[in-house]
Amino acid sequence: MSCLKAVTGGVEISVKVVPGASRDRLAGPLGDALKIQVSAPPERGKANAAVEVLLSKSLGISAKAVSVVRGLNSPRKTVLAQGLTVAAAADALALR
């Protein structure tokens, strides 16, 4: 999947975030990104925190191992998931 990139220590995931949705969910692939809908508003980092929690649960890893590393104020973000391989992330996110 083109939204996953292997990096030292883990995987970078390109995401397109839709804040203010009715519920938190992984909406699926959207071009070269994974579309994520979160109910949190896009203010004071609330949507970013919701993305980190949702991805950590979906990947089965600690919330401390998931962080937004680029695009803090943009709907297009890069999220780092530490301790995973691309194959493991693709399986966990059902991207295969």
N, C-alpha and C. Protein backbone atom coordinates (compact mmCIF):
# COMPACT_ATOMS: atom_id res chain seq x y z
N MET A 1 0.84 -1.18 0.00
CA MET A 1 0.00 0.00 0.00
C MET A 1 0.88 1.23 0.00
N SER A 2 0.56 2.19 -0.82
CA SER A 2 1.41 3.37 -0.97
C SER A 2 1.34 4.31 0.23
N CYS A 3 0.41 4.12 1.15
CA CYS A 3 0.34 5.00 2.32
C CYS A 3 1.29 4.55 3.43
N LEU A 4 1.92 3.40 3.27
CA LEU A 4 2.85 2.88 4.27
C LEU A 4 4.28 2.96 3.76
N LYS A 5 5.18 3.42 4.64
CA LYS A 5 6.58 3.55 4.26
C LYS A 5 7.44 3.07 5.43
N ALA A 6 8.35 2.15 5.15
CA ALA A 6 9.25 1.65 6.18
C ALA A 6 10.29 2.73 6.50
N VAL A 7 10.49 2.97 7.78
CA VAL A 7 11.51 3.90 8.26
C VAL A 7 12.23 3.23 9.43
N THR A 8 13.36 3.79 9.82
CA THR A 8 14.11 3.24 10.95
C THR A 8 13.23 3.25 12.19
N GLY A 9 13.02 2.09 12.75
CA GLY A 9 12.26 1.97 13.98
C GLY A 9 10.77 1.76 13.82
N GLY A 10 10.27 1.76 12.58
CA GLY A 10 8.84 1.56 12.43
C GLY A 10 8.31 1.84 11.04
N VAL A 11 7.09 2.38 10.99
CA VAL A 11 6.39 2.62 9.73
C VAL A 11 5.79 4.01 9.76
N GLU A 12 5.92 4.74 8.66
CA GLU A 12 5.22 6.01 8.51
C GLU A 12 3.94 5.75 7.72
N ILE A 13 2.85 6.32 8.19
CA ILE A 13 1.55 6.14 7.55
C ILE A 13 1.05 7.51 7.10
N SER A 14 0.78 7.64 5.81
CA SER A 14 0.20 8.88 5.27
C SER A 14 -1.30 8.81 5.47
N VAL A 15 -1.85 9.83 6.11
CA VAL A 15 -3.29 9.82 6.40
C VAL A 15 -3.94 11.12 5.95
N LYS A 16 -5.23 11.04 5.67
CA LYS A 16 -6.10 12.19 5.40
C LYS A 16 -7.14 12.15 6.50
N VAL A 17 -7.13 13.18 7.36
CA VAL A 17 -8.00 13.19 8.53
C VAL A 17 -9.23 14.06 8.28
N VAL A 18 -10.38 13.52 8.65
CA VAL A 18 -11.64 14.26 8.60
C VAL A 18 -12.12 14.42 10.04
N PRO A 19 -11.87 15.60 10.64
CA PRO A 19 -12.30 15.81 12.02
C PRO A 19 -13.79 16.15 12.08
N GLY A 20 -14.38 16.02 13.26
CA GLY A 20 -15.78 16.37 13.45
C GLY A 20 -16.75 15.36 12.87
N ALA A 21 -16.29 14.14 12.61
CA ALA A 21 -17.17 13.10 12.06
C ALA A 21 -18.10 12.58 13.16
N SER A 22 -19.08 11.80 12.78
CA SER A 22 -20.04 11.27 13.75
C SER A 22 -19.42 10.20 14.65
N ARG A 23 -18.35 9.54 14.16
CA ARG A 23 -17.67 8.51 14.95
C ARG A 23 -16.23 8.36 14.47
N ASP A 24 -15.42 7.73 15.30
CA ASP A 24 -14.02 7.47 14.95
C ASP A 24 -13.95 6.18 14.16
N ARG A 25 -13.29 6.24 12.97
CA ARG A 25 -13.15 5.02 12.18
C ARG A 25 -12.09 5.20 11.10
N LEU A 26 -11.56 4.06 10.66
CA LEU A 26 -10.68 4.02 9.49
C LEU A 26 -11.60 3.87 8.30
N ALA A 27 -11.64 4.88 7.44
CA ALA A 27 -12.57 4.86 6.31
C ALA A 27 -12.01 4.10 5.11
N GLY A 28 -10.70 3.83 5.10
CA GLY A 28 -10.11 3.07 4.01
C GLY A 28 -9.18 3.91 3.17
N PRO A 29 -8.62 3.30 2.13
CA PRO A 29 -7.66 4.01 1.27
C PRO A 29 -8.30 5.18 0.53
N LEU A 30 -7.54 6.24 0.38
CA LEU A 30 -7.96 7.41 -0.39
C LEU A 30 -6.73 7.90 -1.15
N GLY A 31 -6.59 7.45 -2.40
CA GLY A 31 -5.40 7.79 -3.17
C GLY A 31 -4.16 7.18 -2.52
N ASP A 32 -3.21 8.04 -2.18
CA ASP A 32 -1.97 7.56 -1.55
C ASP A 32 -2.00 7.73 -0.03
N ALA A 33 -3.18 7.81 0.55
CA ALA A 33 -3.33 8.00 2.00
C ALA A 33 -4.41 7.08 2.55
N LEU A 34 -4.41 6.96 3.87
CA LEU A 34 -5.46 6.24 4.57
C LEU A 34 -6.41 7.28 5.14
N LYS A 35 -7.68 7.21 4.78
CA LYS A 35 -8.66 8.18 5.27
C LYS A 35 -9.12 7.77 6.66
N ILE A 36 -9.02 8.73 7.58
CA ILE A 36 -9.42 8.49 8.97
C ILE A 36 -10.43 9.54 9.37
N GLN A 37 -11.54 9.10 9.94
CA GLN A 37 -12.55 10.03 10.44
C GLN A 37 -12.54 9.99 11.96
N VAL A 38 -12.48 11.17 12.58
CA VAL A 38 -12.49 11.25 14.04
C VAL A 38 -13.57 12.24 14.47
N SER A 39 -14.17 11.98 15.62
CA SER A 39 -15.23 12.86 16.11
C SER A 39 -14.68 14.11 16.78
N ALA A 40 -13.41 14.11 17.14
CA ALA A 40 -12.80 15.26 17.81
C ALA A 40 -12.71 16.45 16.86
N PRO A 41 -12.85 17.65 17.40
CA PRO A 41 -12.75 18.86 16.57
C PRO A 41 -11.28 19.17 16.25
N PRO A 42 -11.05 19.93 15.18
CA PRO A 42 -9.68 20.25 14.78
C PRO A 42 -9.15 21.47 15.55
N GLU A 43 -9.11 21.37 16.87
CA GLU A 43 -8.63 22.49 17.67
C GLU A 43 -7.74 22.00 18.81
N ARG A 44 -6.66 22.73 19.05
CA ARG A 44 -5.72 22.46 20.14
C ARG A 44 -5.23 21.01 20.17
N GLY A 45 -5.06 20.40 19.00
CA GLY A 45 -4.49 19.06 18.91
C GLY A 45 -5.44 17.92 19.24
N LYS A 46 -6.71 18.22 19.43
CA LYS A 46 -7.66 17.16 19.80
C LYS A 46 -7.82 16.12 18.70
N ALA A 47 -7.90 16.55 17.44
CA ALA A 47 -8.05 15.61 16.33
C ALA A 47 -6.77 14.76 16.18
N ASN A 48 -5.60 15.39 16.33
CA ASN A 48 -4.35 14.64 16.24
C ASN A 48 -4.29 13.56 17.31
N ALA A 49 -4.68 13.89 18.54
CA ALA A 49 -4.68 12.92 19.63
C ALA A 49 -5.65 11.78 19.33
N ALA A 50 -6.80 12.10 18.77
CA ALA A 50 -7.79 11.07 18.43
C ALA A 50 -7.25 10.14 17.35
N VAL A 51 -6.53 10.69 16.37
CA VAL A 51 -5.91 9.88 15.32
C VAL A 51 -4.89 8.92 15.93
N GLU A 52 -4.06 9.42 16.83
CA GLU A 52 -3.05 8.57 17.47
C GLU A 52 -3.69 7.43 18.25
N VAL A 53 -4.75 7.72 18.99
CA VAL A 53 -5.43 6.68 19.77
C VAL A 53 -6.08 5.64 18.85
N LEU A 54 -6.78 6.11 17.83
CA LEU A 54 -7.46 5.20 16.91
C LEU A 54 -6.45 4.29 16.20
N LEU A 55 -5.35 4.86 15.71
CA LEU A 55 -4.35 4.04 15.03
C LEU A 55 -3.66 3.07 15.99
N SER A 56 -3.38 3.49 17.20
CA SER A 56 -2.73 2.58 18.15
C SER A 56 -3.63 1.38 18.44
N LYS A 57 -4.92 1.62 18.61
CA LYS A 57 -5.86 0.51 18.85
C LYS A 57 -5.94 -0.40 17.62
N SER A 58 -6.02 0.21 16.44
CA SER A 58 -6.13 -0.57 15.20
C SER A 58 -4.88 -1.40 14.94
N LEU A 59 -3.72 -0.85 15.30
CA LEU A 59 -2.45 -1.55 15.07
C LEU A 59 -2.09 -2.50 16.20
N GLY A 60 -2.79 -2.38 17.33
CA GLY A 60 -2.51 -3.26 18.46
C GLY A 60 -1.22 -2.91 19.19
N ILE A 61 -0.88 -1.62 19.23
CA ILE A 61 0.33 -1.18 19.91
C ILE A 61 -0.03 -0.07 20.90
N SER A 62 0.92 0.25 21.74
CA SER A 62 0.72 1.30 22.74
C SER A 62 0.49 2.65 22.10
N ALA A 63 -0.34 3.47 22.73
CA ALA A 63 -0.60 4.83 22.21
C ALA A 63 0.68 5.66 22.21
N LYS A 64 1.62 5.34 23.08
CA LYS A 64 2.90 6.07 23.14
C LYS A 64 3.77 5.77 21.92
N ALA A 65 3.48 4.67 21.22
CA ALA A 65 4.27 4.27 20.06
C ALA A 65 3.76 4.87 18.76
N VAL A 66 2.70 5.68 18.84
CA VAL A 66 2.09 6.29 17.65
C VAL A 66 2.10 7.81 17.83
N SER A 67 2.63 8.53 16.83
CA SER A 67 2.65 9.99 16.93
C SER A 67 2.57 10.63 15.56
N VAL A 68 1.88 11.76 15.51
CA VAL A 68 1.82 12.56 14.29
C VAL A 68 3.16 13.29 14.18
N VAL A 69 3.88 13.07 13.07
CA VAL A 69 5.21 13.67 12.91
C VAL A 69 5.24 14.79 11.88
N ARG A 70 4.27 14.84 10.99
CA ARG A 70 4.17 15.92 10.00
C ARG A 70 2.71 16.25 9.76
N GLY A 71 2.45 17.54 9.51
CA GLY A 71 1.10 17.97 9.18
C GLY A 71 0.23 18.22 10.40
N LEU A 72 0.81 18.71 11.46
CA LEU A 72 0.05 18.93 12.70
C LEU A 72 -1.17 19.82 12.50
N ASN A 73 -1.09 20.78 11.59
CA ASN A 73 -2.19 21.71 11.35
C ASN A 73 -2.85 21.52 9.99
N SER A 74 -2.69 20.34 9.43
CA SER A 74 -3.20 20.05 8.10
C SER A 74 -4.03 18.77 8.13
N PRO A 75 -4.99 18.62 7.22
CA PRO A 75 -5.73 17.36 7.16
C PRO A 75 -4.87 16.19 6.64
N ARG A 76 -3.83 16.52 5.88
CA ARG A 76 -2.88 15.49 5.41
C ARG A 76 -1.75 15.40 6.41
N LYS A 77 -1.57 14.23 7.00
CA LYS A 77 -0.59 14.05 8.06
C LYS A 77 0.27 12.82 7.79
N THR A 78 1.41 12.78 8.44
CA THR A 78 2.24 11.58 8.47
C THR A 78 2.32 11.14 9.91
N VAL A 79 1.99 9.88 10.14
CA VAL A 79 1.98 9.32 11.49
C VAL A 79 3.06 8.24 11.57
N LEU A 80 3.86 8.28 12.64
CA LEU A 80 4.89 7.27 12.85
C LEU A 80 4.37 6.24 13.84
N ALA A 81 4.41 4.97 13.43
CA ALA A 81 4.06 3.85 14.30
C ALA A 81 5.34 3.07 14.57
N GLN A 82 5.81 3.14 15.79
CA GLN A 82 7.09 2.53 16.13
C GLN A 82 6.95 1.05 16.42
N GLY A 83 7.98 0.29 16.03
CA GLY A 83 8.03 -1.13 16.34
C GLY A 83 7.25 -2.03 15.42
N LEU A 84 6.86 -1.54 14.26
CA LEU A 84 6.10 -2.35 13.30
C LEU A 84 6.83 -2.44 11.97
N THR A 85 6.48 -3.46 11.21
CA THR A 85 6.93 -3.56 9.83
C THR A 85 5.78 -3.12 8.93
N VAL A 86 6.09 -2.85 7.68
CA VAL A 86 5.04 -2.48 6.72
C VAL A 86 4.03 -3.61 6.59
N ALA A 87 4.52 -4.85 6.54
CA ALA A 87 3.61 -5.99 6.40
C ALA A 87 2.66 -6.11 7.59
N ALA A 88 3.20 -5.93 8.79
CA ALA A 88 2.37 -6.02 10.00
C ALA A 88 1.34 -4.90 10.04
N ALA A 89 1.75 -3.69 9.65
CA ALA A 89 0.83 -2.56 9.64
C ALA A 89 -0.26 -2.77 8.59
N ALA A 90 0.12 -3.26 7.41
CA ALA A 90 -0.86 -3.50 6.35
C ALA A 90 -1.88 -4.56 6.78
N ASP A 91 -1.42 -5.60 7.46
CA ASP A 91 -2.34 -6.63 7.95
C ASP A 91 -3.28 -6.06 9.00
N ALA A 92 -2.74 -5.31 9.95
CA ALA A 92 -3.55 -4.76 11.05
C ALA A 92 -4.59 -3.76 10.55
N LEU A 93 -4.22 -2.99 9.52
CA LEU A 93 -5.12 -1.98 8.98
C LEU A 93 -5.97 -2.52 7.82
N ALA A 94 -5.86 -3.81 7.55
CA ALA A 94 -6.61 -4.47 6.46
C ALA A 94 -6.38 -3.77 5.13
N LEU A 95 -5.12 -3.48 4.82
CA LEU A 95 -4.78 -2.79 3.57
C LEU A 95 -4.24 -3.74 2.52
N ARG A 96 -4.32 -5.03 2.76
CA ARG A 96 -3.83 -5.99 1.77
C ARG A 96 -4.98 -6.58 1.01
